[in-house]
């Protein structure tokens, strides 16, 4: 596995943290971000720090077992779900967790975003499933995600938020934007009372467009 420039990734995580915060995808000290630096090391955001106010030196390095290798702060209490993505999907290099309001509203209501409403979203992400509730900071959370991680780059977490992944940090963040945008479209369609799902054949053709792309490298 190619090593990633640590200094550049520290700056990039801080930049993405500011974007996540400025867009209202997190509040207070919510959310967490990580990047896989190498085969064995992961750079992640610390606990109890606003994602819009992070400095590069605030970030923490851990190994794939969750042991801290570098940093003065403590790693995120939700680190385990990030490590699960990296262990189950070696091609994944970044994970973003946030609470974008509309998508999180669907998760709080126990509703997935699996309807084939927007071609671009289906092509980019396929279905966006809902994981059952797992207590944040415990083994319940990664256990709830485990069945869905192999086949999905974006997952709603019941009564919690959204987690996305990608072959790089920008893609993981863009997937988060895509989920929230789609949730807004789905909500408006429901409010208008004219939600029309694409026929199964059309939806399948959209999803084939996704599977034809290299794994984790969607345009």
Protein backbone atom coordinates (compact mmCIF):
# COMPACT_ATOMS: atom_id res chain seq x y z
CA UNK A 1 0.00 0.00 0.00
CA UNK A 2 1.33 3.45 -0.95
CA UNK A 3 2.11 5.70 2.01
CA UNK A 4 0.28 9.02 2.17
CA UNK A 5 2.07 12.28 2.98
CA UNK A 6 1.19 12.81 6.63
CA UNK A 7 1.69 16.58 6.68
CA UNK A 8 -0.56 17.09 3.67
CA UNK A 9 -3.23 14.81 5.13
CA UNK A 10 -3.23 16.70 8.42
CA UNK A 11 -3.95 19.91 6.55
CA UNK A 12 -6.55 18.23 4.35
CA UNK A 13 -8.44 16.75 7.31
CA UNK A 14 -8.58 20.21 8.88
CA UNK A 15 -9.85 21.69 5.60
CA UNK A 16 -12.56 19.04 5.26
CA UNK A 17 -13.44 19.53 8.92
CA UNK A 18 -14.06 23.21 8.24
CA UNK A 19 -16.25 22.34 5.25
CA UNK A 20 -18.28 19.82 7.25
CA UNK A 21 -18.79 22.39 10.01
CA UNK A 22 -19.56 25.36 7.75
CA UNK A 23 -22.23 23.39 5.89
CA UNK A 24 -23.97 22.54 9.14
CA UNK A 25 -23.28 18.83 8.88
CA UNK A 26 -22.01 18.85 12.49
CA UNK A 27 -22.62 20.94 15.59
CA UNK A 28 -20.43 21.45 18.62
CA UNK A 29 -17.84 18.69 18.71
CA UNK A 30 -19.89 16.21 16.64
CA UNK A 31 -18.48 14.05 13.86
CA UNK A 32 -15.13 12.45 13.07
CA UNK A 33 -12.81 12.06 10.10
CA UNK A 34 -9.99 9.65 9.34
CA UNK A 35 -7.45 8.84 6.61
CA UNK A 36 -5.43 5.69 6.21
CA UNK A 37 -1.79 6.72 6.05
CA UNK A 38 -0.28 3.29 5.42
CA UNK A 39 -0.95 -0.41 5.79
CA UNK A 40 -0.91 -0.12 9.58
CA UNK A 41 -1.56 3.52 10.51
CA UNK A 42 -4.61 5.80 10.50
CA UNK A 43 -4.73 9.56 11.06
CA UNK A 44 -7.94 10.65 12.80
CA UNK A 45 -9.66 13.57 14.46
CA UNK A 46 -9.53 13.81 18.26
CA UNK A 47 -12.46 13.62 20.60
CA UNK A 48 -14.11 16.74 22.07
CA UNK A 49 -12.92 19.24 19.47
CA UNK A 50 -15.01 21.25 16.99
CA UNK A 51 -14.30 20.07 13.47
CA UNK A 52 -14.23 23.65 12.25
CA UNK A 53 -11.51 24.65 14.72
CA UNK A 54 -8.94 21.88 14.34
CA UNK A 55 -5.24 22.48 13.77
CA UNK A 56 -2.96 19.90 12.11
CA UNK A 57 -1.20 19.13 15.40
CA UNK A 58 -4.54 18.27 17.04
CA UNK A 59 -4.87 15.10 14.98
CA UNK A 60 -3.99 11.65 16.31
CA UNK A 61 -2.33 8.60 14.77
CA UNK A 62 -3.52 5.12 15.71
CA UNK A 63 -2.83 1.63 14.42
CA UNK A 64 -5.50 -0.70 13.05
CA UNK A 65 -6.01 -2.13 16.52
CA UNK A 66 -6.90 1.32 17.83
CA UNK A 67 -3.71 1.82 19.81
CA UNK A 68 -2.55 5.44 19.87
CA UNK A 69 0.85 5.95 18.27
CA UNK A 70 1.10 9.73 18.13
CA UNK A 71 -0.68 12.86 19.34
CA UNK A 72 -1.37 14.73 22.56
CA UNK A 73 -5.17 14.41 22.36
CA UNK A 74 -7.32 11.30 22.57
CA UNK A 75 -8.74 9.76 19.39
CA UNK A 76 -12.44 9.89 18.61
CA UNK A 77 -14.62 7.62 20.74
CA UNK A 78 -16.15 6.34 17.48
CA UNK A 79 -12.81 5.26 16.02
CA UNK A 80 -13.86 1.60 15.93
CA UNK A 81 -16.27 2.09 13.04
CA UNK A 82 -13.53 3.80 10.99
CA UNK A 83 -11.14 0.92 11.63
CA UNK A 84 -13.83 -1.54 10.61
CA UNK A 85 -14.11 0.11 7.17
CA UNK A 86 -10.34 -0.16 6.70
CA UNK A 87 -10.20 -3.80 7.81
CA UNK A 88 -13.16 -4.92 5.68
CA UNK A 89 -12.36 -2.84 2.58
CA UNK A 90 -8.62 -2.45 1.94
CA UNK A 91 -9.24 -0.09 -1.01
CA UNK A 92 -10.86 2.52 1.25
CA UNK A 93 -8.52 5.32 2.31
CA UNK A 94 -10.84 7.75 4.13
CA UNK A 95 -13.98 7.76 6.30
CA UNK A 96 -16.22 10.70 7.27
CA UNK A 97 -18.94 10.62 9.93
CA UNK A 98 -21.32 13.56 10.38
CA UNK A 99 -24.91 14.47 11.21
CA UNK A 100 -26.24 16.32 8.13
CA UNK A 101 -29.72 17.43 9.24
CA UNK A 102 -31.98 16.08 6.50
CA UNK A 103 -30.29 12.72 6.10
CA UNK A 104 -30.07 12.36 9.87
CA UNK A 105 -33.78 13.16 10.03
CA UNK A 106 -34.44 10.15 7.79
CA UNK A 107 -32.20 8.04 10.03
CA UNK A 108 -34.02 9.25 13.15
CA UNK A 109 -37.34 8.36 11.52
CA UNK A 110 -36.08 4.86 10.75
CA UNK A 111 -36.13 5.46 6.99
CA UNK A 112 -33.42 4.49 4.50
CA UNK A 113 -32.67 6.34 1.25
CA UNK A 114 -32.88 3.38 -1.08
CA UNK A 115 -35.48 4.69 -3.53
CA UNK A 116 -34.29 5.22 -7.10
CA UNK A 117 -35.22 8.91 -7.40
CA UNK A 118 -32.12 10.63 -8.79
CA UNK A 119 -29.92 8.97 -11.42
CA UNK A 120 -26.69 10.66 -10.34
CA UNK A 121 -27.08 9.49 -6.75
CA UNK A 122 -27.91 5.92 -7.69
CA UNK A 123 -24.97 5.85 -10.09
CA UNK A 124 -22.57 7.27 -7.50
CA UNK A 125 -23.72 5.46 -4.36
CA UNK A 126 -26.29 2.83 -5.26
CA UNK A 127 -28.71 2.33 -2.38
CA UNK A 128 -28.15 4.20 0.89
CA UNK A 129 -29.24 1.72 3.57
CA UNK A 130 -30.15 2.23 7.22
CA UNK A 131 -28.11 0.42 9.86
CA UNK A 132 -29.95 -0.47 13.03
CA UNK A 133 -29.16 1.55 16.15
CA UNK A 134 -25.86 0.99 17.90
CA UNK A 135 -24.78 2.95 20.96
CA UNK A 136 -22.05 5.45 19.92
CA UNK A 137 -18.68 4.70 21.47
CA UNK A 138 -19.47 1.01 22.02
CA UNK A 139 -19.02 -2.20 20.02
CA UNK A 140 -22.72 -1.99 19.10
CA UNK A 141 -22.03 0.70 16.50
CA UNK A 142 -19.48 -1.17 14.35
CA UNK A 143 -21.51 -4.36 14.81
CA UNK A 144 -24.55 -2.61 13.33
CA UNK A 145 -22.51 -1.42 10.35
CA UNK A 146 -20.64 -4.67 9.67
CA UNK A 147 -23.21 -6.30 7.34
CA UNK A 148 -23.50 -3.14 5.20
CA UNK A 149 -19.90 -1.99 4.85
CA UNK A 150 -18.80 -4.41 2.09
CA UNK A 151 -21.39 -3.14 -0.41
CA UNK A 152 -22.01 0.49 0.49
CA UNK A 153 -20.00 3.74 0.46
CA UNK A 154 -22.70 5.63 2.40
CA UNK A 155 -24.78 4.34 5.31
CA UNK A 156 -27.43 5.97 7.49
CA UNK A 157 -27.21 5.06 11.17
CA UNK A 158 -30.52 4.90 13.03
CA UNK A 159 -30.96 7.75 15.54
CA UNK A 160 -27.39 8.86 14.91
CA UNK A 161 -26.19 10.19 11.55
CA UNK A 162 -24.34 9.22 8.38
CA UNK A 163 -21.00 7.58 7.62
CA UNK A 164 -19.33 7.66 4.21
CA UNK A 165 -16.09 6.33 2.79
CA UNK A 166 -13.98 6.78 -0.32
CA UNK A 167 -10.72 6.05 -2.09
CA UNK A 168 -9.52 9.43 -0.84
CA UNK A 169 -10.72 12.01 1.68
CA UNK A 170 -12.31 14.33 -0.86
CA UNK A 171 -14.40 11.49 -2.26
CA UNK A 172 -15.52 10.44 1.22
CA UNK A 173 -16.59 14.03 1.89
CA UNK A 174 -18.32 14.36 -1.50
CA UNK A 175 -20.25 11.21 -0.73
CA UNK A 176 -21.50 12.91 2.46
CA UNK A 177 -22.63 15.93 0.41
CA UNK A 178 -24.34 13.60 -2.03
CA UNK A 179 -26.28 11.84 0.75
CA UNK A 180 -27.53 15.10 2.23
CA UNK A 181 -28.48 16.49 -1.18
CA UNK A 182 -30.41 13.35 -2.01
CA UNK A 183 -32.17 13.42 1.37
CA UNK A 184 -33.35 16.96 0.65
CA UNK A 185 -34.65 15.94 -2.77
CA UNK A 186 -36.41 12.89 -1.28
CA UNK A 187 -38.00 15.05 1.44
CA UNK A 188 -39.30 17.62 -1.06
CA UNK A 189 -40.68 14.88 -3.29
CA UNK A 190 -42.52 13.39 -0.33
CA UNK A 191 -43.86 16.80 0.71
CA UNK A 192 -45.17 17.40 -2.80
CA UNK A 193 -46.89 14.04 -2.63
CA UNK A 194 -45.72 13.01 -6.07
CA UNK A 195 -42.82 10.71 -5.32
CA UNK A 196 -42.29 8.44 -8.31
CA UNK A 197 -39.74 5.70 -8.16
CA UNK A 198 -38.06 4.62 -11.34
CA UNK A 199 -39.17 1.28 -12.66
CA UNK A 200 -37.05 -1.63 -11.56
CA UNK A 201 -35.47 -1.98 -15.03
CA UNK A 202 -34.39 1.69 -15.13
CA UNK A 203 -33.07 1.64 -11.58
CA UNK A 204 -31.08 -1.49 -12.36
CA UNK A 205 -29.48 0.21 -15.37
CA UNK A 206 -28.43 3.14 -13.15
CA UNK A 207 -26.84 0.75 -10.67
CA UNK A 208 -25.04 -1.10 -13.48
CA UNK A 209 -23.43 2.22 -14.35
CA UNK A 210 -22.03 2.28 -10.84
CA UNK A 211 -20.72 -1.28 -10.83
CA UNK A 212 -18.93 -0.75 -14.15
CA UNK A 213 -16.60 1.75 -12.48
CA UNK A 214 -13.48 0.62 -10.61
CA UNK A 215 -14.23 -0.14 -6.96
CA UNK A 216 -14.03 2.97 -4.78
CA UNK A 217 -13.19 5.25 -7.71
CA UNK A 218 -16.44 6.76 -8.76
CA UNK A 219 -16.38 9.91 -10.83
